[in-house]
Amino acid sequence: MREPYLEVTFRHGRAVAAYFYLPRRPGQRSYRTRRVEPGLVIDYGRGGQPLGIEITAPTKISLTTLNRVLRELGFPPLKRADFAPLHAA
């Protein structure tokens, strides 16, 4: 996967969880995790590269918070339109 993307899980019309996939090689799996903020957990591959960000409290996470984590990981920030599905319902 070359482009990052956001996947949101809804239940009864509300976002209950989300995952922001970061670019990775096919077949790469999470080897360890690190909690960085309440509601945000980064998954890392065996070589230490970030693979994705688990969003366990999507209604409590702001675009600013997620973008701060992405910047720390060396990725460009999300645009408001890319973040909108978390608060669409």
PDB file of N, CA and C in Angstrom:
ATOM      1  N   MET A   1       0.849  -1.158   0.000  1.00  0.00           N
ATOM      2  CA  MET A   1       0.000   0.000   0.000  1.00  0.00           C
ATOM      3  C   MET A   1       0.902   1.232   0.000  1.00  0.00           C
ATOM      4  N   ARG A   2       0.639   2.112  -0.914  1.00  0.00           N
ATOM      5  CA  ARG A   2       1.501   3.281  -1.063  1.00  0.00           C
ATOM      6  C   ARG A   2       0.906   4.545  -0.473  1.00  0.00           C
ATOM      7  N   GLU A   3      -0.398   4.651  -0.443  1.00  0.00           N
ATOM      8  CA  GLU A   3      -1.051   5.859   0.052  1.00  0.00           C
ATOM      9  C   GLU A   3      -1.725   5.589   1.392  1.00  0.00           C
ATOM     10  N   PRO A   4      -1.614   6.520   2.331  1.00  0.00           N
ATOM     11  CA  PRO A   4      -2.317   6.347   3.600  1.00  0.00           C
ATOM     12  C   PRO A   4      -3.826   6.505   3.406  1.00  0.00           C
ATOM     13  N   TYR A   5      -4.600   5.840   4.255  1.00  0.00           N
ATOM     14  CA  TYR A   5      -6.050   6.013   4.197  1.00  0.00           C
ATOM     15  C   TYR A   5      -6.664   5.709   5.560  1.00  0.00           C
ATOM     16  N   LEU A   6      -7.852   6.254   5.760  1.00  0.00           N
ATOM     17  CA  LEU A   6      -8.576   6.118   7.011  1.00  0.00           C
ATOM     18  C   LEU A   6      -9.731   5.147   6.829  1.00  0.00           C
ATOM     19  N   GLU A   7      -9.845   4.200   7.752  1.00  0.00           N
ATOM     20  CA  GLU A   7     -10.960   3.250   7.754  1.00  0.00           C
ATOM     21  C   GLU A   7     -11.722   3.435   9.068  1.00  0.00           C
ATOM     22  N   VAL A   8     -13.030   3.655   8.970  1.00  0.00           N
ATOM     23  CA  VAL A   8     -13.845   3.923  10.154  1.00  0.00           C
ATOM     24  C   VAL A   8     -14.877   2.821  10.311  1.00  0.00           C
ATOM     25  N   THR A   9     -15.043   2.330  11.541  1.00  0.00           N
ATOM     26  CA  THR A   9     -16.055   1.334  11.863  1.00  0.00           C
ATOM     27  C   THR A   9     -17.198   2.028  12.590  1.00  0.00           C
ATOM     28  N   PHE A  10     -18.404   1.845  12.052  1.00  0.00           N
ATOM     29  CA  PHE A  10     -19.593   2.457  12.639  1.00  0.00           C
ATOM     30  C   PHE A  10     -20.488   1.395  13.269  1.00  0.00           C
ATOM     31  N   ARG A  11     -21.177   1.761  14.332  1.00  0.00           N
ATOM     32  CA  ARG A  11     -22.200   0.919  14.940  1.00  0.00           C
ATOM     33  C   ARG A  11     -23.365   1.836  15.288  1.00  0.00           C
ATOM     34  N   HIS A  12     -24.537   1.477  14.788  1.00  0.00           N
ATOM     35  CA  HIS A  12     -25.742   2.276  15.020  1.00  0.00           C
ATOM     36  C   HIS A  12     -25.534   3.732  14.607  1.00  0.00           C
ATOM     37  N   GLY A  13     -24.822   3.928  13.502  1.00  0.00           N
ATOM     38  CA  GLY A  13     -24.628   5.260  12.958  1.00  0.00           C
ATOM     39  C   GLY A  13     -23.547   6.101  13.619  1.00  0.00           C
ATOM     40  N   ARG A  14     -22.821   5.528  14.562  1.00  0.00           N
ATOM     41  CA  ARG A  14     -21.761   6.273  15.251  1.00  0.00           C
ATOM     42  C   ARG A  14     -20.410   5.593  15.045  1.00  0.00           C
ATOM     43  N   ALA A  15     -19.381   6.419  14.897  1.00  0.00           N
ATOM     44  CA  ALA A  15     -18.022   5.882  14.770  1.00  0.00           C
ATOM     45  C   ALA A  15     -17.601   5.300  16.115  1.00  0.00           C
ATOM     46  N   VAL A  16     -17.204   4.027  16.107  1.00  0.00           N
ATOM     47  CA  VAL A  16     -16.779   3.373  17.352  1.00  0.00           C
ATOM     48  C   VAL A  16     -15.282   3.076  17.360  1.00  0.00           C
ATOM     49  N   ALA A  17     -14.670   3.051  16.206  1.00  0.00           N
ATOM     50  CA  ALA A  17     -13.234   2.802  16.093  1.00  0.00           C
ATOM     51  C   ALA A  17     -12.791   3.232  14.695  1.00  0.00           C
ATOM     52  N   ALA A  18     -11.502   3.461  14.559  1.00  0.00           N
ATOM     53  CA  ALA A  18     -10.961   3.822  13.254  1.00  0.00           C
ATOM     54  C   ALA A  18      -9.495   3.393  13.204  1.00  0.00           C
ATOM     55  N   TYR A  19      -8.983   3.292  11.983  1.00  0.00           N
ATOM     56  CA  TYR A  19      -7.579   2.936  11.795  1.00  0.00           C
ATOM     57  C   TYR A  19      -7.053   3.765  10.634  1.00  0.00           C
ATOM     58  N   PHE A  20      -5.940   4.455  10.867  1.00  0.00           N
ATOM     59  CA  PHE A  20      -5.297   5.226   9.813  1.00  0.00           C
ATOM     60  C   PHE A  20      -4.112   4.411   9.320  1.00  0.00           C
ATOM     61  N   TYR A  21      -4.256   3.838   8.127  1.00  0.00           N
ATOM     62  CA  TYR A  21      -3.214   3.009   7.533  1.00  0.00           C
ATOM     63  C   TYR A  21      -2.120   3.892   6.941  1.00  0.00           C
ATOM     64  N   LEU A  22      -0.885   3.598   7.284  1.00  0.00           N
ATOM     65  CA  LEU A  22       0.264   4.294   6.729  1.00  0.00           C
ATOM     66  C   LEU A  22       0.881   3.429   5.635  1.00  0.00           C
ATOM     67  N   PRO A  23       1.645   4.028   4.711  1.00  0.00           N
ATOM     68  CA  PRO A  23       2.266   3.232   3.646  1.00  0.00           C
ATOM     69  C   PRO A  23       3.112   2.095   4.226  1.00  0.00           C
ATOM     70  N   ARG A  24       2.995   0.915   3.596  1.00  0.00           N
ATOM     71  CA  ARG A  24       3.744  -0.256   4.059  1.00  0.00           C
ATOM     72  C   ARG A  24       3.902  -1.248   2.909  1.00  0.00           C
ATOM     73  N   ARG A  25       4.786  -2.183   3.121  1.00  0.00           N
ATOM     74  CA  ARG A  25       4.975  -3.244   2.134  1.00  0.00           C
ATOM     75  C   ARG A  25       3.882  -4.292   2.319  1.00  0.00           C
ATOM     76  N   PRO A  26       3.498  -4.964   1.240  1.00  0.00           N
ATOM     77  CA  PRO A  26       2.488  -6.021   1.368  1.00  0.00           C
ATOM     78  C   PRO A  26       2.932  -7.087   2.372  1.00  0.00           C
ATOM     79  N   GLY A  27       2.010  -7.508   3.197  1.00  0.00           N
ATOM     80  CA  GLY A  27       2.291  -8.566   4.163  1.00  0.00           C
ATOM     81  C   GLY A  27       2.905  -8.122   5.472  1.00  0.00           C
ATOM     82  N   GLN A  28       3.265  -6.849   5.587  1.00  0.00           N
ATOM     83  CA  GLN A  28       3.832  -6.380   6.853  1.00  0.00           C
ATOM     84  C   GLN A  28       2.786  -6.467   7.952  1.00  0.00           C
ATOM     85  N   ARG A  29       3.218  -6.876   9.130  1.00  0.00           N
ATOM     86  CA  ARG A  29       2.331  -7.028  10.280  1.00  0.00           C
ATOM     87  C   ARG A  29       2.853  -6.214  11.457  1.00  0.00           C
ATOM     88  N   SER A  30       1.930  -5.903  12.352  1.00  0.00           N
ATOM     89  CA  SER A  30       2.297  -5.179  13.563  1.00  0.00           C
ATOM     90  C   SER A  30       3.128  -6.080  14.470  1.00  0.00           C
ATOM     91  N   TYR A  31       4.208  -5.530  14.983  1.00  0.00           N
ATOM     92  CA  TYR A  31       5.105  -6.264  15.874  1.00  0.00           C
ATOM     93  C   TYR A  31       5.021  -5.727  17.301  1.00  0.00           C
ATOM     94  N   ARG A  32       4.821  -4.414  17.408  1.00  0.00           N
ATOM     95  CA  ARG A  32       4.653  -3.807  18.736  1.00  0.00           C
ATOM     96  C   ARG A  32       3.774  -2.572  18.595  1.00  0.00           C
ATOM     97  N   THR A  33       3.255  -2.108  19.732  1.00  0.00           N
ATOM     98  CA  THR A  33       2.404  -0.930  19.741  1.00  0.00           C
ATOM     99  C   THR A  33       2.911   0.065  20.776  1.00  0.00           C
ATOM    100  N   ARG A  34       2.483   1.308  20.609  1.00  0.00           N
ATOM    101  CA  ARG A  34       2.839   2.350  21.576  1.00  0.00           C
ATOM    102  C   ARG A  34       1.671   3.325  21.678  1.00  0.00           C
ATOM    103  N   ARG A  35       1.170   3.500  22.889  1.00  0.00           N
ATOM    104  CA  ARG A  35       0.103   4.467  23.125  1.00  0.00           C
ATOM    105  C   ARG A  35       0.728   5.860  23.189  1.00  0.00           C
ATOM    106  N   VAL A  36       0.213   6.775  22.375  1.00  0.00           N
ATOM    107  CA  VAL A  36       0.802   8.114  22.320  1.00  0.00           C
ATOM    108  C   VAL A  36      -0.115   9.188  22.896  1.00  0.00           C
ATOM    109  N   GLU A  37      -1.381   8.968  22.864  1.00  0.00           N
ATOM    110  CA  GLU A  37      -2.384   9.896  23.382  1.00  0.00           C
ATOM    111  C   GLU A  37      -3.537   9.026  23.873  1.00  0.00           C
ATOM    112  N   PRO A  38      -4.348   9.528  24.769  1.00  0.00           N
ATOM    113  CA  PRO A  38      -5.567   8.769  25.084  1.00  0.00           C
ATOM    114  C   PRO A  38      -6.382   8.599  23.802  1.00  0.00           C
ATOM    115  N   GLY A  39      -6.637   7.376  23.419  1.00  0.00           N
ATOM    116  CA  GLY A  39      -7.404   7.089  22.216  1.00  0.00           C
ATOM    117  C   GLY A  39      -6.587   6.888  20.960  1.00  0.00           C
ATOM    118  N   LEU A  40      -5.248   6.974  21.039  1.00  0.00           N
ATOM    119  CA  LEU A  40      -4.386   6.763  19.865  1.00  0.00           C
ATOM    120  C   LEU A  40      -3.265   5.774  20.200  1.00  0.00           C
ATOM    121  N   VAL A  41      -3.140   4.761  19.359  1.00  0.00           N
ATOM    122  CA  VAL A  41      -2.099   3.741  19.531  1.00  0.00           C
ATOM    123  C   VAL A  41      -1.412   3.547  18.186  1.00  0.00           C
ATOM    124  N   ILE A  42      -0.082   3.640  18.170  1.00  0.00           N
ATOM    125  CA  ILE A  42       0.674   3.438  16.928  1.00  0.00           C
ATOM    126  C   ILE A  42       1.120   1.994  16.846  1.00  0.00           C
ATOM    127  N   ASP A  43       0.903   1.373  15.683  1.00  0.00           N
ATOM    128  CA  ASP A  43       1.396   0.026  15.411  1.00  0.00           C
ATOM    129  C   ASP A  43       2.705   0.142  14.634  1.00  0.00           C
ATOM    130  N   TYR A  44       3.715  -0.623  15.062  1.00  0.00           N
ATOM    131  CA  TYR A  44       5.026  -0.628  14.416  1.00  0.00           C
ATOM    132  C   TYR A  44       5.332  -2.004  13.859  1.00  0.00           C
ATOM    133  N   GLY A  45       6.048  -2.025  12.744  1.00  0.00           N
ATOM    134  CA  GLY A  45       6.514  -3.271  12.163  1.00  0.00           C
ATOM    135  C   GLY A  45       7.768  -3.765  12.868  1.00  0.00           C
ATOM    136  N   ARG A  46       8.225  -4.923  12.477  1.00  0.00           N
ATOM    137  CA  ARG A  46       9.397  -5.537  13.091  1.00  0.00           C
ATOM    138  C   ARG A  46      10.631  -4.641  13.025  1.00  0.00           C
ATOM    139  N   GLY A  47      10.785  -3.869  11.963  1.00  0.00           N
ATOM    140  CA  GLY A  47      11.934  -2.982  11.811  1.00  0.00           C
ATOM    141  C   GLY A  47      11.770  -1.624  12.469  1.00  0.00           C
ATOM    142  N   GLY A  48      10.647  -1.411  13.147  1.00  0.00           N
ATOM    143  CA  GLY A  48      10.425  -0.156  13.841  1.00  0.00           C
ATOM    144  C   GLY A  48       9.682   0.897  13.038  1.00  0.00           C
ATOM    145  N   GLN A  49       9.304   0.596  11.795  1.00  0.00           N
ATOM    146  CA  GLN A  49       8.585   1.566  10.985  1.00  0.00           C
ATOM    147  C   GLN A  49       7.104   1.591  11.392  1.00  0.00           C
ATOM    148  N   PRO A  50       6.508   2.785  11.472  1.00  0.00           N
ATOM    149  CA  PRO A  50       5.093   2.872  11.823  1.00  0.00           C
ATOM    150  C   PRO A  50       4.225   2.334  10.686  1.00  0.00           C
ATOM    151  N   LEU A  51       3.257   1.500  11.033  1.00  0.00           N
ATOM    152  CA  LEU A  51       2.371   0.895  10.039  1.00  0.00           C
ATOM    153  C   LEU A  51       0.986   1.521  10.034  1.00  0.00           C
ATOM    154  N   GLY A  52       0.562   2.031  11.176  1.00  0.00           N
ATOM    155  CA  GLY A  52      -0.770   2.608  11.251  1.00  0.00           C
ATOM    156  C   GLY A  52      -1.050   3.158  12.635  1.00  0.00           C
ATOM    157  N   ILE A  53      -2.165   3.865  12.726  1.00  0.00           N
ATOM    158  CA  ILE A  53      -2.560   4.462  13.993  1.00  0.00           C
ATOM    159  C   ILE A  53      -3.965   3.997  14.337  1.00  0.00           C
ATOM    160  N   GLU A  54      -4.089   3.293  15.443  1.00  0.00           N
ATOM    161  CA  GLU A  54      -5.405   2.876  15.929  1.00  0.00           C
ATOM    162  C   GLU A  54      -6.050   4.059  16.623  1.00  0.00           C
ATOM    163  N   ILE A  55      -7.292   4.326  16.270  1.00  0.00           N
ATOM    164  CA  ILE A  55      -8.046   5.406  16.902  1.00  0.00           C
ATOM    165  C   ILE A  55      -9.164   4.732  17.684  1.00  0.00           C
ATOM    166  N   THR A  56      -8.934   4.568  18.981  1.00  0.00           N
ATOM    167  CA  THR A  56      -9.863   3.799  19.805  1.00  0.00           C
ATOM    168  C   THR A  56     -10.987   4.646  20.387  1.00  0.00           C
ATOM    169  N   ALA A  57     -10.867   5.952  20.324  1.00  0.00           N
ATOM    170  CA  ALA A  57     -11.906   6.864  20.808  1.00  0.00           C
ATOM    171  C   ALA A  57     -12.135   7.940  19.747  1.00  0.00           C
ATOM    172  N   PRO A  58     -12.730   7.572  18.609  1.00  0.00           N
ATOM    173  CA  PRO A  58     -12.812   8.499  17.487  1.00  0.00           C
ATOM    174  C   PRO A  58     -13.564   9.798  17.768  1.00  0.00           C
ATOM    175  N   THR A  59     -14.523   9.784  18.658  1.00  0.00           N
ATOM    176  CA  THR A  59     -15.265  11.018  18.936  1.00  0.00           C
ATOM    177  C   THR A  59     -14.481  11.976  19.815  1.00  0.00           C
ATOM    178  N   LYS A  60     -13.395  11.495  20.412  1.00  0.00           N
ATOM    179  CA  LYS A  60     -12.603  12.334  21.310  1.00  0.00           C
ATOM    180  C   LYS A  60     -11.290  12.810  20.697  1.00  0.00           C
ATOM    181  N   ILE A  61     -10.998  12.367  19.491  1.00  0.00           N
ATOM    182  CA  ILE A  61      -9.744  12.720  18.834  1.00  0.00           C
ATOM    183  C   ILE A  61      -9.980  13.881  17.873  1.00  0.00           C
ATOM    184  N   SER A  62      -9.119  14.871  17.934  1.00  0.00           N
ATOM    185  CA  SER A  62      -9.238  16.015  17.029  1.00  0.00           C
ATOM    186  C   SER A  62      -8.250  15.869  15.868  1.00  0.00           C
ATOM    187  N   LEU A  63      -8.522  16.611  14.823  1.00  0.00           N
ATOM    188  CA  LEU A  63      -7.620  16.642  13.675  1.00  0.00           C
ATOM    189  C   LEU A  63      -6.253  17.161  14.099  1.00  0.00           C
ATOM    190  N   THR A  64      -6.225  18.136  14.965  1.00  0.00           N
ATOM    191  CA  THR A  64      -4.961  18.696  15.458  1.00  0.00           C
ATOM    192  C   THR A  64      -4.127  17.633  16.165  1.00  0.00           C
ATOM    193  N   THR A  65      -4.769  16.834  17.000  1.00  0.00           N
ATOM    194  CA  THR A  65      -4.061  15.780  17.735  1.00  0.00           C
ATOM    195  C   THR A  65      -3.492  14.739  16.780  1.00  0.00           C
ATOM    196  N   LEU A  66      -4.321  14.285  15.843  1.00  0.00           N
ATOM    197  CA  LEU A  66      -3.852  13.276  14.890  1.00  0.00           C
ATOM    198  C   LEU A  66      -2.727  13.834  14.022  1.00  0.00           C
ATOM    199  N   ASN A  67      -2.843  15.068  13.597  1.00  0.00           N
ATOM    200  CA  ASN A  67      -1.788  15.670  12.770  1.00  0.00           C
ATOM    201  C   ASN A  67      -0.487  15.845  13.547  1.00  0.00           C
ATOM    202  N   ARG A  68      -0.564  16.120  14.821  1.00  0.00           N
ATOM    203  CA  ARG A  68       0.647  16.233  15.641  1.00  0.00           C
ATOM    204  C   ARG A  68       1.381  14.881  15.671  1.00  0.00           C
ATOM    205  N   VAL A  69       0.638  13.799  15.820  1.00  0.00           N
ATOM    206  CA  VAL A  69       1.245  12.465  15.833  1.00  0.00           C
ATOM    207  C   VAL A  69       1.831  12.144  14.454  1.00  0.00           C
ATOM    208  N   LEU A  70       1.108  12.450  13.404  1.00  0.00           N
ATOM    209  CA  LEU A  70       1.621  12.196  12.053  1.00  0.00           C
ATOM    210  C   LEU A  70       2.909  12.969  11.800  1.00  0.00           C
ATOM    211  N   ARG A  71       2.969  14.225  12.237  1.00  0.00           N
ATOM    212  CA  ARG A  71       4.194  15.023  12.077  1.00  0.00           C
ATOM    213  C   ARG A  71       5.363  14.387  12.816  1.00  0.00           C
ATOM    214  N   GLU A  72       5.109  13.930  14.047  1.00  0.00           N
ATOM    215  CA  GLU A  72       6.167  13.278  14.832  1.00  0.00           C
ATOM    216  C   GLU A  72       6.692  12.030  14.136  1.00  0.00           C
ATOM    217  N   LEU A  73       5.817  11.356  13.376  1.00  0.00           N
ATOM    218  CA  LEU A  73       6.220  10.145  12.652  1.00  0.00           C
ATOM    219  C   LEU A  73       6.835  10.463  11.288  1.00  0.00           C
ATOM    220  N   GLY A  74       6.818  11.731  10.889  1.00  0.00           N
ATOM    221  CA  GLY A  74       7.406  12.124   9.613  1.00  0.00           C
ATOM    222  C   GLY A  74       6.461  12.046   8.437  1.00  0.00           C
ATOM    223  N   PHE A  75       5.158  12.085   8.692  1.00  0.00           N
ATOM    224  CA  PHE A  75       4.164  12.023   7.624  1.00  0.00           C
ATOM    225  C   PHE A  75       3.454  13.365   7.488  1.00  0.00           C
ATOM    226  N   PRO A  76       2.946  13.659   6.286  1.00  0.00           N
ATOM    227  CA  PRO A  76       2.229  14.922   6.100  1.00  0.00           C
ATOM    228  C   PRO A  76       0.902  14.912   6.863  1.00  0.00           C
ATOM    229  N   PRO A  77       0.412  16.086   7.210  1.00  0.00           N
ATOM    230  CA  PRO A  77      -0.849  16.159   7.953  1.00  0.00           C
ATOM    231  C   PRO A  77      -2.046  15.789   7.086  1.00  0.00           C
ATOM    232  N   LEU A  78      -3.107  15.363   7.758  1.00  0.00           N
ATOM    233  CA  LEU A  78      -4.376  15.097   7.080  1.00  0.00           C
ATOM    234  C   LEU A  78      -5.093  16.404   6.820  1.00  0.00           C
ATOM    235  N   LYS A  79      -5.873  16.423   5.771  1.00  0.00           N
ATOM    236  CA  LYS A  79      -6.737  17.565   5.494  1.00  0.00           C
ATOM    237  C   LYS A  79      -8.066  17.336   6.212  1.00  0.00           C
ATOM    238  N   ARG A  80      -8.769  18.408   6.479  1.00  0.00           N
ATOM    239  CA  ARG A  80     -10.053  18.312   7.173  1.00  0.00           C
ATOM    240  C   ARG A  80     -11.004  17.351   6.464  1.00  0.00           C
ATOM    241  N   ALA A  81     -11.024  17.367   5.131  1.00  0.00           N
ATOM    242  CA  ALA A  81     -11.915  16.495   4.364  1.00  0.00           C
ATOM    243  C   ALA A  81     -11.566  15.020   4.572  1.00  0.00           C
ATOM    244  N   ASP A  82     -10.275  14.711   4.752  1.00  0.00           N
ATOM    245  CA  ASP A  82      -9.857  13.326   4.978  1.00  0.00           C
ATOM    246  C   ASP A  82     -10.255  12.843   6.367  1.00  0.00           C
ATOM    247  N   PHE A  83     -10.377  13.766   7.294  1.00  0.00           N
ATOM    248  CA  PHE A  83     -10.700  13.451   8.687  1.00  0.00           C
ATOM    249  C   PHE A  83     -12.213  13.414   8.931  1.00  0.00           C
ATOM    250  N   ALA A  84     -12.982  14.019   8.043  1.00  0.00           N
ATOM    251  CA  ALA A  84     -14.427  14.194   8.204  1.00  0.00           C
ATOM    252  C   ALA A  84     -15.211  12.912   8.499  1.00  0.00           C
ATOM    253  N   PRO A  85     -14.867  11.749   7.926  1.00  0.00           N
ATOM    254  CA  PRO A  85     -15.661  10.553   8.220  1.00  0.00           C
ATOM    255  C   PRO A  85     -15.741  10.193   9.713  1.00  0.00           C
ATOM    256  N   LEU A  86     -14.764  10.608  10.496  1.00  0.00           N
ATOM    257  CA  LEU A  86     -14.817  10.302  11.932  1.00  0.00           C
ATOM    258  C   LEU A  86     -15.959  11.010  12.641  1.00  0.00           C
ATOM    259  N   HIS A  87     -16.389  12.117  12.100  1.00  0.00           N
ATOM    260  CA  HIS A  87     -17.440  12.901  12.750  1.00  0.00           C
ATOM    261  C   HIS A  87     -18.657  13.079  11.862  1.00  0.00           C
ATOM    262  N   ALA A  88     -18.796  12.206  10.863  1.00  0.00           N
ATOM    263  CA  ALA A  88     -19.888  12.337   9.885  1.00  0.00           C
ATOM    264  C   ALA A  88     -21.247  11.935  10.450  1.00  0.00           C
ATOM    265  N   ALA A  89     -21.267  10.965  11.321  1.00  0.00           N
ATOM    266  CA  ALA A  89     -22.564  10.451  11.804  1.00  0.00           C
ATOM    267  C   ALA A  89     -23.121  11.294  12.925  1.00  0.00           C
TER     268      ALA A  89
END
